[in-house]
Structures are given as C-alpha cells and as structure tokens.
Amino acid sequence: MSRPDQPTFEGRPLARPQDELVDQGAAFDATTLFSRRRMLSVLGIGMGTVALAACGADTTSSSGTTSSGSASASGTATGEIPEETNGPYPADGTQDLNILEQSGIERQDIRTSLDGGEAVAGVALTMAFVVTDMANDKPFEGAAVYAWQCDAEGRYSMYSDGVTDQTWLRGVQVADADGKVSFTTIVPGCYSGRWPHIHFEVYPDKASATDVDNVIATSQVAFPQDMLTPIYARSEYGDSARNMASVGSVEDDMIFSDSLDLQTPTITGSIDAGYTATLKVGVDTTTEPSAGGGGGMPGGGPGGGQPPAPRS
C-alpha cells in the first residue's frame, strides 16, 4: 500500500518517485500504456520531451490527400528491386524501335513528345526513383533511369494505333548525389489484363543508357487501388475503372503478386494538387539482370494485357 505522501499514477505508487514517469522501470512500463501527449498532460514534462513528441506524432492528411508511409531522398532500399519484363512496348532497342538514341530523351517532363506538341491529359504525377548501389551500400549517383508508361486511355506512344508517331511518356533522367531522379508525368491509365503500372530500367551511367544491352535492372511500379479509384472516375481515363475491376486487385496481377512490397511507392498528394510517388530502388551490380531485353511477352504480357485502339 502506498504512503499518503507517496506519488502515484492511476492509483499505483511510483517505484522511483524522484524520477519521471518514463523512468519507472520495465515492470511499471509493461502495465502502463500512454501516449506522449497524455504523459505531458499528467506530468508537465519539459520542452526537450515536447520536441521528441512532436517528432513522433502522426500527421493528419488534408482533405482529398493520400499519404502512405514516408519517403527519404537519401534512404536505402530494403531489398533488390525485382526483375520484371520490359515488354512489350519498351522502345529501348529490344525490337526495332529505340527512343534512347533520340535527341532530347534526357528530360524531366515527359508529358509531351520529344518534338513538343500538346501534353497528354491526366492527373498530374511526379514519379521519383531513389536508386541505391547495393554492392557499395550508397546512393547510386550518376545512374540513368529510363521510365515509360501508357497514357490515361492505356495507349503507349510509338506502338498503339493512332499514336505511333508520338513519343510522349518516355524519358531518361540521371541520378543526383542522393541517387534520386524524378519525372513529371500523369497517373497511368489501366488497360485490359494488367494492373496500372509504370515501367523503368536502370543503367550504370548516362553514356550507357542508349541500348537495352547495357541495362542493370528492369522493373515496374504498382499503384494502390484507393488512389486510383477516384482518378478513374474522371472522363479522360476512359475504360480504366472497368479494366481495373476486371483484374481484381493488385495482388491478382501476375507481375506484382510475388513482389508487391518492393514495387509499391510512397504516395502523397491529391487529385487537385497532383500526386508524388517515390520508389526506393535497390540495384545489385554484382548480379546478372534477367528481364531487360526479353522483348516482352505475347498478348501484351502477363494477364494478356493489351493497350486499346483509339476510342471512337
């Protein structure tokens, strides 16, 4: 039983009355669950602990904003990026087309063709990749990333009917000192048979990013359904909502079903303000890449996905 003058917390005597509540020992802690804010209100702990509480507090997203985890431009990837097919529309020298040799392919904004023209319609997206050199345990400064994707209707420039003369939604960026590159693009649409995605290849440097034979990693980015559902309600995304529903879920996609954790980016933003997606990409230069240059798969890849012809 506690003495009348002995400090207590929730009716229990403090084992170390001269110390703060957080220093009462493991046994006391095990039976006391409290938040930092509650601790402050009970004991009036000083400013140093207030700062600590602020650092650990959850951030509430504003209306219409998606926030998934946190992203650090210099963070280290948790594992090697899974190797995936680059096809069937890479334009990287796998087949007859090679945009990597064309002037202007190194660019940040990929919403127009290389020679300009009208930007593709869609919800704005900044797609960032943070590349880590796993063999040397450091950011992969100087690595080149080639990214390409379909438009809001599911069409690929240079390949799909009606846009074979376009080169939009394709570009190369070179990683900075933190291993980071970013592209200004749009949220991709969904075509029949595949979950919405962005393709990318990693090359060891800018000079080598001219042909798929030099690639050191090939993979794809998956997007979360809760982000895509309201986007696909917009008119510019055509049949994307129906196509996504026919796939089922991202776990049902044959590309992402066994490697989703390493291929899902951190997402922040909103439809009105635009989104930012950040994917950590671990590249092990000591292993042999297995997917790039495969030329894609018949029928549009796993699931039989095939970008649609233009809608009338």
C-alpha atoms as a PDB file:
ATOM      1  CA  MET A   1       0.000   0.000   0.000  1.00  0.00           C
ATOM      2  CA  SER A   2       1.284   3.490  -0.814  1.00  0.00           C
ATOM      3  CA  ARG A   3       2.037   6.112   1.796  1.00  0.00           C
ATOM      4  CA  PRO A   4      -0.205   9.224   1.859  1.00  0.00           C
ATOM      5  CA  ASP A   5       2.666  11.366   0.628  1.00  0.00           C
ATOM      6  CA  GLN A   6       3.952   8.883  -1.977  1.00  0.00           C
ATOM      7  CA  PRO A   7       3.443   9.950  -5.652  1.00  0.00           C
ATOM      8  CA  THR A   8       1.129   7.665  -7.616  1.00  0.00           C
ATOM      9  CA  PHE A   9      -0.050   7.233 -11.192  1.00  0.00           C
ATOM     10  CA  GLU A  10      -3.544   5.840 -11.823  1.00  0.00           C
ATOM     11  CA  GLY A  11      -3.652   4.750  -8.187  1.00  0.00           C
ATOM     12  CA  ARG A  12      -0.333   2.892  -8.326  1.00  0.00           C
ATOM     13  CA  PRO A  13       2.728   4.063  -6.365  1.00  0.00           C
ATOM     14  CA  LEU A  14       5.734   5.108  -8.409  1.00  0.00           C
ATOM     15  CA  ALA A  15       8.690   2.794  -7.860  1.00  0.00           C
ATOM     16  CA  ARG A  16      11.105   5.714  -8.321  1.00  0.00           C
ATOM     17  CA  PRO A  17       9.251   8.816  -7.070  1.00  0.00           C
ATOM     18  CA  GLN A  18      12.262  11.039  -7.692  1.00  0.00           C
ATOM     19  CA  ASP A  19      12.322  10.130 -11.413  1.00  0.00           C
ATOM     20  CA  GLU A  20       9.995  10.918 -14.290  1.00  0.00           C
ATOM     21  CA  LEU A  21       7.191   8.567 -15.310  1.00  0.00           C
ATOM     22  CA  VAL A  22       9.168   7.235 -18.250  1.00  0.00           C
ATOM     23  CA  ASP A  23      11.953   6.100 -15.902  1.00  0.00           C
ATOM     24  CA  GLN A  24       9.934   3.863 -13.556  1.00  0.00           C
ATOM     25  CA  GLY A  25      11.318   0.590 -14.896  1.00  0.00           C
ATOM     26  CA  ALA A  26      10.225  -2.180 -17.251  1.00  0.00           C
ATOM     27  CA  ALA A  27       7.676  -3.748 -14.923  1.00  0.00           C
ATOM     28  CA  PHE A  28       5.872  -0.452 -14.472  1.00  0.00           C
ATOM     29  CA  ASP A  29       6.001   0.308 -18.202  1.00  0.00           C
ATOM     30  CA  ALA A  30       4.536  -3.058 -19.142  1.00  0.00           C
ATOM     31  CA  THR A  31       1.263  -2.297 -17.328  1.00  0.00           C
ATOM     32  CA  THR A  32       1.011   1.376 -18.304  1.00  0.00           C
ATOM     33  CA  LEU A  33       0.017   2.343 -21.834  1.00  0.00           C
ATOM     34  CA  PHE A  34       0.031   6.047 -22.589  1.00  0.00           C
ATOM     35  CA  SER A  35       0.752   8.430 -25.442  1.00  0.00           C
ATOM     36  CA  ARG A  36       3.392  11.125 -25.265  1.00  0.00           C
ATOM     37  CA  ARG A  37       0.646  13.736 -25.249  1.00  0.00           C
ATOM     38  CA  ARG A  38      -1.051  12.094 -22.288  1.00  0.00           C
ATOM     39  CA  MET A  39       2.265  11.908 -20.452  1.00  0.00           C
ATOM     40  CA  LEU A  40       2.767  15.623 -20.970  1.00  0.00           C
ATOM     41  CA  SER A  41      -0.656  16.449 -19.562  1.00  0.00           C
ATOM     42  CA  VAL A  42      -0.102  14.280 -16.467  1.00  0.00           C
ATOM     43  CA  LEU A  43       3.442  15.260 -15.547  1.00  0.00           C
ATOM     44  CA  GLY A  44       4.168  18.506 -17.391  1.00  0.00           C
ATOM     45  CA  ILE A  45       7.440  17.223 -18.859  1.00  0.00           C
ATOM     46  CA  GLY A  46       9.907  19.795 -20.220  1.00  0.00           C
ATOM     47  CA  MET A  47      10.494  21.165 -23.714  1.00  0.00           C
ATOM     48  CA  GLY A  48      13.072  18.548 -24.693  1.00  0.00           C
ATOM     49  CA  THR A  49      10.471  15.827 -24.412  1.00  0.00           C
ATOM     50  CA  VAL A  50       7.896  18.048 -26.136  1.00  0.00           C
ATOM     51  CA  ALA A  51      10.209  18.179 -29.155  1.00  0.00           C
ATOM     52  CA  LEU A  52      10.548  14.410 -29.099  1.00  0.00           C
ATOM     53  CA  ALA A  53       6.774  14.038 -29.014  1.00  0.00           C
ATOM     54  CA  ALA A  54       6.404  16.350 -31.979  1.00  0.00           C
ATOM     55  CA  CYS A  55       8.893  14.304 -33.993  1.00  0.00           C
ATOM     56  CA  GLY A  56       6.925  11.116 -33.378  1.00  0.00           C
ATOM     57  CA  ALA A  57       3.410  12.493 -33.842  1.00  0.00           C
ATOM     58  CA  ASP A  58       1.201  11.300 -36.648  1.00  0.00           C
ATOM     59  CA  THR A  59       0.428  13.761 -39.428  1.00  0.00           C
ATOM     60  CA  THR A  60      -3.178  14.146 -40.437  1.00  0.00           C
ATOM     61  CA  SER A  61      -3.667  14.473 -44.163  1.00  0.00           C
ATOM     62  CA  SER A  62      -5.718  17.319 -45.552  1.00  0.00           C
ATOM     63  CA  SER A  63      -8.991  16.565 -47.329  1.00  0.00           C
ATOM     64  CA  GLY A  64      -8.524  14.677 -50.559  1.00  0.00           C
ATOM     65  CA  THR A  65      -4.909  13.826 -49.805  1.00  0.00           C
ATOM     66  CA  THR A  66      -3.357  10.391 -49.796  1.00  0.00           C
ATOM     67  CA  SER A  67      -0.357   9.664 -47.599  1.00  0.00           C
ATOM     68  CA  SER A  68       1.284   6.254 -47.467  1.00  0.00           C
ATOM     69  CA  GLY A  69       4.341   5.943 -45.271  1.00  0.00           C
ATOM     70  CA  SER A  70       7.262   8.330 -45.599  1.00  0.00           C
ATOM     71  CA  ALA A  71       9.930   8.916 -48.215  1.00  0.00           C
ATOM     72  CA  SER A  72      13.549   9.956 -47.856  1.00  0.00           C
ATOM     73  CA  ALA A  73      15.520  11.052 -50.901  1.00  0.00           C
ATOM     74  CA  SER A  74      18.658   9.536 -49.418  1.00  0.00           C
ATOM     75  CA  GLY A  75      17.088   6.458 -47.850  1.00  0.00           C
ATOM     76  CA  THR A  76      18.408   2.976 -48.501  1.00  0.00           C
ATOM     77  CA  ALA A  77      16.150   0.494 -50.272  1.00  0.00           C
ATOM     78  CA  THR A  78      15.139  -2.516 -48.197  1.00  0.00           C
ATOM     79  CA  GLY A  79      15.973  -5.044 -50.912  1.00  0.00           C
ATOM     80  CA  GLU A  80      16.954  -5.547 -54.510  1.00  0.00           C
ATOM     81  CA  ILE A  81      14.276  -4.392 -56.940  1.00  0.00           C
ATOM     82  CA  PRO A  82      12.517  -7.405 -58.511  1.00  0.00           C
ATOM     83  CA  GLU A  83      13.327  -8.047 -62.161  1.00  0.00           C
ATOM     84  CA  GLU A  84      10.307  -7.785 -64.478  1.00  0.00           C
ATOM     85  CA  THR A  85       9.630  -7.897 -68.196  1.00  0.00           C
ATOM     86  CA  ASN A  86      10.348  -4.716 -70.135  1.00  0.00           C
ATOM     87  CA  GLY A  87       7.827  -5.504 -72.823  1.00  0.00           C
ATOM     88  CA  PRO A  88       6.025  -5.422 -74.958  1.00  0.00           C
ATOM     89  CA  TYR A  89       6.395  -1.686 -75.693  1.00  0.00           C
ATOM     90  CA  PRO A  90       9.818  -0.584 -74.382  1.00  0.00           C
ATOM     91  CA  ALA A  91      11.336   1.288 -77.359  1.00  0.00           C
ATOM     92  CA  ASP A  92      14.737   0.590 -75.810  1.00  0.00           C
ATOM     93  CA  GLY A  93      16.368  -1.329 -78.663  1.00  0.00           C
ATOM     94  CA  THR A  94      14.814  -4.659 -77.728  1.00  0.00           C
ATOM     95  CA  GLN A  95      12.916  -4.676 -81.011  1.00  0.00           C
ATOM     96  CA  ASP A  96      13.159  -2.313 -83.965  1.00  0.00           C
ATOM     97  CA  LEU A  97      12.384   0.866 -82.008  1.00  0.00           C
ATOM     98  CA  ASN A  98      14.924   2.690 -79.837  1.00  0.00           C
ATOM     99  CA  ILE A  99      13.992   6.071 -78.428  1.00  0.00           C
ATOM    100  CA  LEU A 100      17.094   6.071 -76.220  1.00  0.00           C
ATOM    101  CA  GLU A 101      19.193   7.135 -79.202  1.00  0.00           C
ATOM    102  CA  GLN A 102      16.999  10.145 -79.976  1.00  0.00           C
ATOM    103  CA  SER A 103      17.940  13.708 -79.120  1.00  0.00           C
ATOM    104  CA  GLY A 104      16.061  15.134 -76.149  1.00  0.00           C
ATOM    105  CA  ILE A 105      15.276  11.842 -74.435  1.00  0.00           C
ATOM    106  CA  GLU A 106      17.045  13.052 -71.277  1.00  0.00           C
ATOM    107  CA  ARG A 107      14.256  15.161 -69.785  1.00  0.00           C
ATOM    108  CA  GLN A 108      12.277  15.656 -66.613  1.00  0.00           C
ATOM    109  CA  ASP A 109       8.832  16.452 -68.036  1.00  0.00           C
ATOM    110  CA  ILE A 110       7.656  13.562 -70.217  1.00  0.00           C
ATOM    111  CA  ARG A 111       4.065  14.655 -70.861  1.00  0.00           C
ATOM    112  CA  THR A 112       4.770  15.770 -74.448  1.00  0.00           C
ATOM    113  CA  SER A 113       6.516  14.150 -77.393  1.00  0.00           C
ATOM    114  CA  LEU A 114      10.215  14.870 -77.863  1.00  0.00           C
ATOM    115  CA  ASP A 115       9.416  17.437 -80.537  1.00  0.00           C
ATOM    116  CA  GLY A 116       6.812  19.154 -78.379  1.00  0.00           C
ATOM    117  CA  GLY A 117       3.113  19.327 -79.052  1.00  0.00           C
ATOM    118  CA  GLU A 118       0.160  19.006 -76.712  1.00  0.00           C
ATOM    119  CA  ALA A 119       0.682  17.411 -73.315  1.00  0.00           C
ATOM    120  CA  VAL A 120      -1.240  14.229 -72.602  1.00  0.00           C
ATOM    121  CA  ALA A 121      -4.332  14.545 -70.418  1.00  0.00           C
ATOM    122  CA  GLY A 122      -4.434  13.060 -66.929  1.00  0.00           C
ATOM    123  CA  VAL A 123      -3.951  13.662 -63.220  1.00  0.00           C
ATOM    124  CA  ALA A 124      -0.517  15.145 -62.535  1.00  0.00           C
ATOM    125  CA  LEU A 125       2.118  12.831 -61.047  1.00  0.00           C
ATOM    126  CA  THR A 126       5.719  13.348 -60.022  1.00  0.00           C
ATOM    127  CA  MET A 127       7.344   9.915 -60.275  1.00  0.00           C
ATOM    128  CA  ALA A 128      10.563   9.754 -58.257  1.00  0.00           C
ATOM    129  CA  PHE A 129      13.060   6.906 -58.041  1.00  0.00           C
ATOM    130  CA  VAL A 130      15.718   6.748 -55.320  1.00  0.00           C
ATOM    131  CA  VAL A 131      18.391   4.359 -56.579  1.00  0.00           C
ATOM    132  CA  THR A 132      20.790   2.603 -54.206  1.00  0.00           C
ATOM    133  CA  ASP A 133      24.016   0.868 -55.242  1.00  0.00           C
ATOM    134  CA  MET A 134      23.670  -2.185 -53.017  1.00  0.00           C
ATOM    135  CA  ALA A 135      27.115  -3.551 -53.843  1.00  0.00           C
ATOM    136  CA  ASN A 136      28.737  -0.441 -52.383  1.00  0.00           C
ATOM    137  CA  ASP A 137      25.961   0.445 -49.906  1.00  0.00           C
ATOM    138  CA  LYS A 138      25.496   4.030 -51.107  1.00  0.00           C
ATOM    139  CA  PRO A 139      23.269   6.186 -53.317  1.00  0.00           C
ATOM    140  CA  PHE A 140      23.777   5.347 -56.977  1.00  0.00           C
ATOM    141  CA  GLU A 141      24.889   8.783 -58.148  1.00  0.00           C
ATOM    142  CA  GLY A 142      25.155   9.029 -61.936  1.00  0.00           C
ATOM    143  CA  ALA A 143      22.913   6.049 -62.683  1.00  0.00           C
ATOM    144  CA  ALA A 144      20.444   6.669 -65.524  1.00  0.00           C
ATOM    145  CA  VAL A 145      16.763   5.717 -65.256  1.00  0.00           C
ATOM    146  CA  TYR A 146      14.568   5.268 -68.322  1.00  0.00           C
ATOM    147  CA  ALA A 147      10.844   5.391 -67.491  1.00  0.00           C
ATOM    148  CA  TRP A 148       7.886   4.788 -69.796  1.00  0.00           C
ATOM    149  CA  GLN A 149       4.162   4.262 -69.377  1.00  0.00           C
ATOM    150  CA  CYS A 150       0.756   4.332 -71.059  1.00  0.00           C
ATOM    151  CA  ASP A 151      -1.493   7.391 -71.191  1.00  0.00           C
ATOM    152  CA  ALA A 152      -4.878   7.821 -69.485  1.00  0.00           C
ATOM    153  CA  GLU A 153      -6.530   5.688 -72.182  1.00  0.00           C
ATOM    154  CA  GLY A 154      -3.988   2.885 -71.849  1.00  0.00           C
ATOM    155  CA  ARG A 155      -2.081   3.672 -75.052  1.00  0.00           C
ATOM    156  CA  TYR A 156       1.703   3.512 -75.495  1.00  0.00           C
ATOM    157  CA  SER A 157       3.361   6.084 -77.721  1.00  0.00           C
ATOM    158  CA  MET A 158       5.285   4.658 -80.711  1.00  0.00           C
ATOM    159  CA  TYR A 159       3.216   1.432 -80.606  1.00  0.00           C
ATOM    160  CA  SER A 160      -0.532   1.876 -80.121  1.00  0.00           C
ATOM    161  CA  ASP A 161      -2.826   2.586 -83.053  1.00  0.00           C
ATOM    162  CA  GLY A 162      -3.189   6.291 -83.669  1.00  0.00           C
ATOM    163  CA  VAL A 163      -0.120   7.358 -81.637  1.00  0.00           C
ATOM    164  CA  THR A 164       2.744   5.585 -83.397  1.00  0.00           C
ATOM    165  CA  ASP A 165       4.117   8.996 -84.400  1.00  0.00           C
ATOM    166  CA  GLN A 166       4.167  10.229 -80.771  1.00  0.00           C
ATOM    167  CA  THR A 167       6.942   9.856 -78.176  1.00  0.00           C
ATOM    168  CA  TRP A 168       5.225  11.103 -75.021  1.00  0.00           C
ATOM    169  CA  LEU A 169       5.519   9.442 -71.619  1.00  0.00           C
ATOM    170  CA  ARG A 170       9.086   8.291 -72.199  1.00  0.00           C
ATOM    171  CA  GLY A 171      12.216   9.841 -70.750  1.00  0.00           C
ATOM    172  CA  VAL A 172      15.615   9.416 -69.114  1.00  0.00           C
ATOM    173  CA  GLN A 173      16.980  11.128 -66.007  1.00  0.00           C
ATOM    174  CA  VAL A 174      20.409  10.872 -64.315  1.00  0.00           C
ATOM    175  CA  ALA A 175      20.555  10.315 -60.550  1.00  0.00           C
ATOM    176  CA  ASP A 176      21.868  13.085 -58.300  1.00  0.00           C
ATOM    177  CA  ALA A 177      24.156  12.705 -55.281  1.00  0.00           C
ATOM    178  CA  ASP A 178      21.271  11.142 -53.330  1.00  0.00           C
ATOM    179  CA  GLY A 179      20.575   8.632 -56.098  1.00  0.00           C
ATOM    180  CA  LYS A 180      17.311  10.387 -56.949  1.00  0.00           C
ATOM    181  CA  VAL A 181      15.617  11.102 -60.265  1.00  0.00           C
ATOM    182  CA  SER A 182      12.103  12.396 -60.873  1.00  0.00           C
ATOM    183  CA  PHE A 183       9.748  12.686 -63.815  1.00  0.00           C
ATOM    184  CA  THR A 184       6.771  14.991 -64.322  1.00  0.00           C
ATOM    185  CA  THR A 185       4.086  12.769 -65.790  1.00  0.00           C
ATOM    186  CA  ILE A 186       0.477  11.638 -65.258  1.00  0.00           C
ATOM    187  CA  VAL A 187      -1.125   8.803 -63.345  1.00  0.00           C
ATOM    188  CA  PRO A 188      -1.233   5.952 -65.900  1.00  0.00           C
ATOM    189  CA  GLY A 189      -4.493   4.515 -67.107  1.00  0.00           C
ATOM    190  CA  CYS A 190      -5.477   0.862 -66.900  1.00  0.00           C
ATOM    191  CA  TYR A 191      -5.831  -1.351 -69.957  1.00  0.00           C
ATOM    192  CA  SER A 192      -7.367  -4.796 -70.038  1.00  0.00           C
ATOM    193  CA  GLY A 193      -5.421  -7.551 -68.316  1.00  0.00           C
ATOM    194  CA  ARG A 194      -2.831  -5.608 -66.310  1.00  0.00           C
ATOM    195  CA  TRP A 195      -2.796  -3.619 -63.088  1.00  0.00           C
ATOM    196  CA  PRO A 196      -1.843   0.076 -63.614  1.00  0.00           C
ATOM    197  CA  HIS A 197       1.934   0.446 -63.703  1.00  0.00           C
ATOM    198  CA  ILE A 198       4.987   2.362 -64.872  1.00  0.00           C
ATOM    199  CA  HIS A 199       7.975   0.595 -66.454  1.00  0.00           C
ATOM    200  CA  PHE A 200      11.568   1.566 -65.747  1.00  0.00           C
ATOM    201  CA  GLU A 201      15.118   0.461 -66.498  1.00  0.00           C
ATOM    202  CA  VAL A 202      18.302   1.396 -64.664  1.00  0.00           C
ATOM    203  CA  TYR A 203      21.609   1.907 -66.465  1.00  0.00           C
ATOM    204  CA  PRO A 204      25.007   2.358 -64.765  1.00  0.00           C
ATOM    205  CA  ASP A 205      25.531   5.822 -66.298  1.00  0.00           C
ATOM    206  CA  LYS A 206      24.209   8.256 -68.871  1.00  0.00           C
ATOM    207  CA  ALA A 207      26.569   7.090 -71.622  1.00  0.00           C
ATOM    208  CA  SER A 208      25.297   3.513 -71.419  1.00  0.00           C
ATOM    209  CA  ALA A 209      21.604   4.470 -71.494  1.00  0.00           C
ATOM    210  CA  THR A 210      21.340   4.094 -75.247  1.00  0.00           C
ATOM    211  CA  ASP A 211      20.592   0.384 -75.622  1.00  0.00           C
ATOM    212  CA  VAL A 212      18.904  -2.287 -73.524  1.00  0.00           C
ATOM    213  CA  ASP A 213      22.023  -4.471 -73.715  1.00  0.00           C
ATOM    214  CA  ASN A 214      23.549  -2.178 -71.074  1.00  0.00           C
ATOM    215  CA  VAL A 215      20.686  -2.358 -68.574  1.00  0.00           C
ATOM    216  CA  ILE A 216      21.438  -3.396 -64.977  1.00  0.00           C
ATOM    217  CA  ALA A 217      17.866  -3.556 -63.620  1.00  0.00           C
ATOM    218  CA  THR A 218      14.370  -3.686 -65.140  1.00  0.00           C
ATOM    219  CA  SER A 219      11.178  -3.428 -63.107  1.00  0.00           C
ATOM    220  CA  GLN A 220       7.731  -1.856 -62.739  1.00  0.00           C
ATOM    221  CA  VAL A 221       5.886   0.423 -60.306  1.00  0.00           C
ATOM    222  CA  ALA A 222       2.485  -0.594 -58.867  1.00  0.00           C
ATOM    223  CA  PHE A 223      -0.142   1.919 -57.727  1.00  0.00           C
ATOM    224  CA  PRO A 224      -2.612   1.460 -54.837  1.00  0.00           C
ATOM    225  CA  GLN A 225      -6.289   0.962 -55.582  1.00  0.00           C
ATOM    226  CA  ASP A 226      -7.524   3.574 -53.110  1.00  0.00           C
ATOM    227  CA  MET A 227      -5.568   6.209 -55.036  1.00  0.00           C
ATOM    228  CA  LEU A 228      -6.718   5.011 -58.459  1.00  0.00           C
ATOM    229  CA  THR A 229     -10.450   4.578 -57.851  1.00  0.00           C
ATOM    230  CA  PRO A 230     -11.410   8.285 -57.718  1.00  0.00           C
ATOM    231  CA  ILE A 231      -8.961   9.115 -60.511  1.00  0.00           C
ATOM    232  CA  TYR A 232     -10.522   6.559 -62.836  1.00  0.00           C
ATOM    233  CA  ALA A 233     -13.928   8.183 -62.357  1.00  0.00           C
ATOM    234  CA  ARG A 234     -12.677  11.078 -64.485  1.00  0.00           C
ATOM    235  CA  SER A 235     -13.661  11.206 -68.143  1.00  0.00           C
ATOM    236  CA  GLU A 236     -10.101  11.273 -69.543  1.00  0.00           C
ATOM    237  CA  TYR A 237      -9.445   7.818 -68.075  1.00  0.00           C
ATOM    238  CA  GLY A 238     -11.951   6.141 -70.378  1.00  0.00           C
ATOM    239  CA  ASP A 239     -12.459   2.461 -69.525  1.00  0.00           C
ATOM    240  CA  SER A 240      -9.760   2.326 -66.842  1.00  0.00           C
ATOM    241  CA  ALA A 241     -12.209   1.732 -63.973  1.00  0.00           C
ATOM    242  CA  ARG A 242     -13.790  -1.244 -65.742  1.00  0.00           C
ATOM    243  CA  ASN A 243     -10.416  -2.636 -66.785  1.00  0.00           C
ATOM    244  CA  MET A 244      -9.046  -2.351 -63.243  1.00  0.00           C
ATOM    245  CA  ALA A 245     -12.118  -4.115 -61.849  1.00  0.00           C
ATOM    246  CA  SER A 246     -11.606  -6.966 -64.316  1.00  0.00           C
ATOM    247  CA  VAL A 247      -8.083  -7.524 -62.975  1.00  0.00           C
ATOM    248  CA  GLY A 248      -9.470  -7.787 -59.444  1.00  0.00           C
ATOM    249  CA  SER A 249      -6.703  -6.401 -57.274  1.00  0.00           C
ATOM    250  CA  VAL A 250      -3.018  -5.618 -57.488  1.00  0.00           C
ATOM    251  CA  GLU A 251      -2.322  -8.953 -55.792  1.00  0.00           C
ATOM    252  CA  ASP A 252      -4.018 -10.694 -58.723  1.00  0.00           C
ATOM    253  CA  ASP A 253      -1.633  -9.153 -61.251  1.00  0.00           C
ATOM    254  CA  MET A 254       0.969 -11.758 -62.257  1.00  0.00           C
ATOM    255  CA  ILE A 255       3.802  -9.197 -62.244  1.00  0.00           C
ATOM    256  CA  PHE A 256       3.149  -7.832 -58.770  1.00  0.00           C
ATOM    257  CA  SER A 257       1.666 -10.860 -56.981  1.00  0.00           C
ATOM    258  CA  ASP A 258       5.016 -12.082 -55.616  1.00  0.00           C
ATOM    259  CA  SER A 259       6.921  -8.825 -55.140  1.00  0.00           C
ATOM    260  CA  LEU A 260       4.454  -6.080 -54.284  1.00  0.00           C
ATOM    261  CA  ASP A 261       6.226  -4.664 -51.231  1.00  0.00           C
ATOM    262  CA  LEU A 262       9.315  -3.622 -53.192  1.00  0.00           C
ATOM    263  CA  GLN A 263       7.358  -2.234 -56.136  1.00  0.00           C
ATOM    264  CA  THR A 264       4.789  -0.053 -54.370  1.00  0.00           C
ATOM    265  CA  PRO A 265       5.867   3.583 -53.965  1.00  0.00           C
ATOM    266  CA  THR A 266       5.163   6.021 -51.188  1.00  0.00           C
ATOM    267  CA  ILE A 267       2.251   8.201 -52.337  1.00  0.00           C
ATOM    268  CA  THR A 268       1.381  11.732 -51.247  1.00  0.00           C
ATOM    269  CA  GLY A 269      -0.864  14.400 -52.735  1.00  0.00           C
ATOM    270  CA  SER A 270      -4.376  14.743 -54.133  1.00  0.00           C
ATOM    271  CA  ILE A 271      -6.254  14.791 -57.426  1.00  0.00           C
ATOM    272  CA  ASP A 272      -6.417  18.575 -57.487  1.00  0.00           C
ATOM    273  CA  ALA A 273      -2.845  19.272 -56.370  1.00  0.00           C
ATOM    274  CA  GLY A 274      -1.275  16.284 -58.115  1.00  0.00           C
ATOM    275  CA  TYR A 275       0.471  13.276 -56.634  1.00  0.00           C
ATOM    276  CA  THR A 276       4.066  12.409 -55.814  1.00  0.00           C
ATOM    277  CA  ALA A 277       5.134   8.766 -55.911  1.00  0.00           C
ATOM    278  CA  THR A 278       8.556   7.789 -54.550  1.00  0.00           C
ATOM    279  CA  LEU A 279      10.005   4.321 -55.049  1.00  0.00           C
ATOM    280  CA  LYS A 280      13.227   3.095 -53.468  1.00  0.00           C
ATOM    281  CA  VAL A 281      15.169   1.023 -55.998  1.00  0.00           C
ATOM    282  CA  GLY A 282      17.922  -1.264 -54.777  1.00  0.00           C
ATOM    283  CA  VAL A 283      20.299  -2.317 -57.558  1.00  0.00           C
ATOM    284  CA  ASP A 284      22.900  -5.038 -57.035  1.00  0.00           C
ATOM    285  CA  THR A 285      25.525  -4.612 -59.762  1.00  0.00           C
ATOM    286  CA  THR A 286      27.119  -7.943 -58.817  1.00  0.00           C
ATOM    287  CA  THR A 287      24.087  -9.914 -60.051  1.00  0.00           C
ATOM    288  CA  GLU A 288      23.145 -10.524 -63.665  1.00  0.00           C
ATOM    289  CA  PRO A 289      19.941  -8.753 -64.823  1.00  0.00           C
ATOM    290  CA  SER A 290      17.380 -11.223 -66.118  1.00  0.00           C
ATOM    291  CA  ALA A 291      14.458  -9.265 -67.583  1.00  0.00           C
ATOM    292  CA  GLY A 292      15.670  -6.427 -69.808  1.00  0.00           C
ATOM    293  CA  GLY A 293      15.858  -7.218 -73.473  1.00  0.00           C
ATOM    294  CA  GLY A 294      13.335 -10.001 -73.202  1.00  0.00           C
ATOM    295  CA  GLY A 295      11.206  -8.368 -75.847  1.00  0.00           C
ATOM    296  CA  GLY A 296       8.048  -8.581 -73.832  1.00  0.00           C
ATOM    297  CA  MET A 297       5.559 -11.402 -73.878  1.00  0.00           C
ATOM    298  CA  PRO A 298       2.930 -12.367 -76.451  1.00  0.00           C
ATOM    299  CA  GLY A 299      -0.505 -10.883 -75.927  1.00  0.00           C
ATOM    300  CA  GLY A 300       0.743  -7.857 -74.028  1.00  0.00           C
ATOM    301  CA  GLY A 301       2.489  -9.612 -71.167  1.00  0.00           C
ATOM    302  CA  PRO A 302       1.166 -11.414 -68.090  1.00  0.00           C
ATOM    303  CA  GLY A 303      -2.590 -11.456 -67.958  1.00  0.00           C
ATOM    304  CA  GLY A 304      -2.924 -10.865 -71.673  1.00  0.00           C
ATOM    305  CA  GLY A 305      -2.919  -7.084 -71.214  1.00  0.00           C
ATOM    306  CA  GLN A 306      -3.207  -5.189 -74.457  1.00  0.00           C
ATOM    307  CA  PRO A 307      -3.435  -1.392 -74.783  1.00  0.00           C
ATOM    308  CA  PRO A 308      -6.627  -0.445 -76.593  1.00  0.00           C
ATOM    309  CA  ALA A 309      -7.073   1.079 -80.008  1.00  0.00           C
ATOM    310  CA  PRO A 310      -8.345   4.679 -80.031  1.00  0.00           C
ATOM    311  CA  ARG A 311     -11.952   5.043 -78.937  1.00  0.00           C
ATOM    312  CA  SER A 312     -14.396   6.485 -81.420  1.00  0.00           C
END
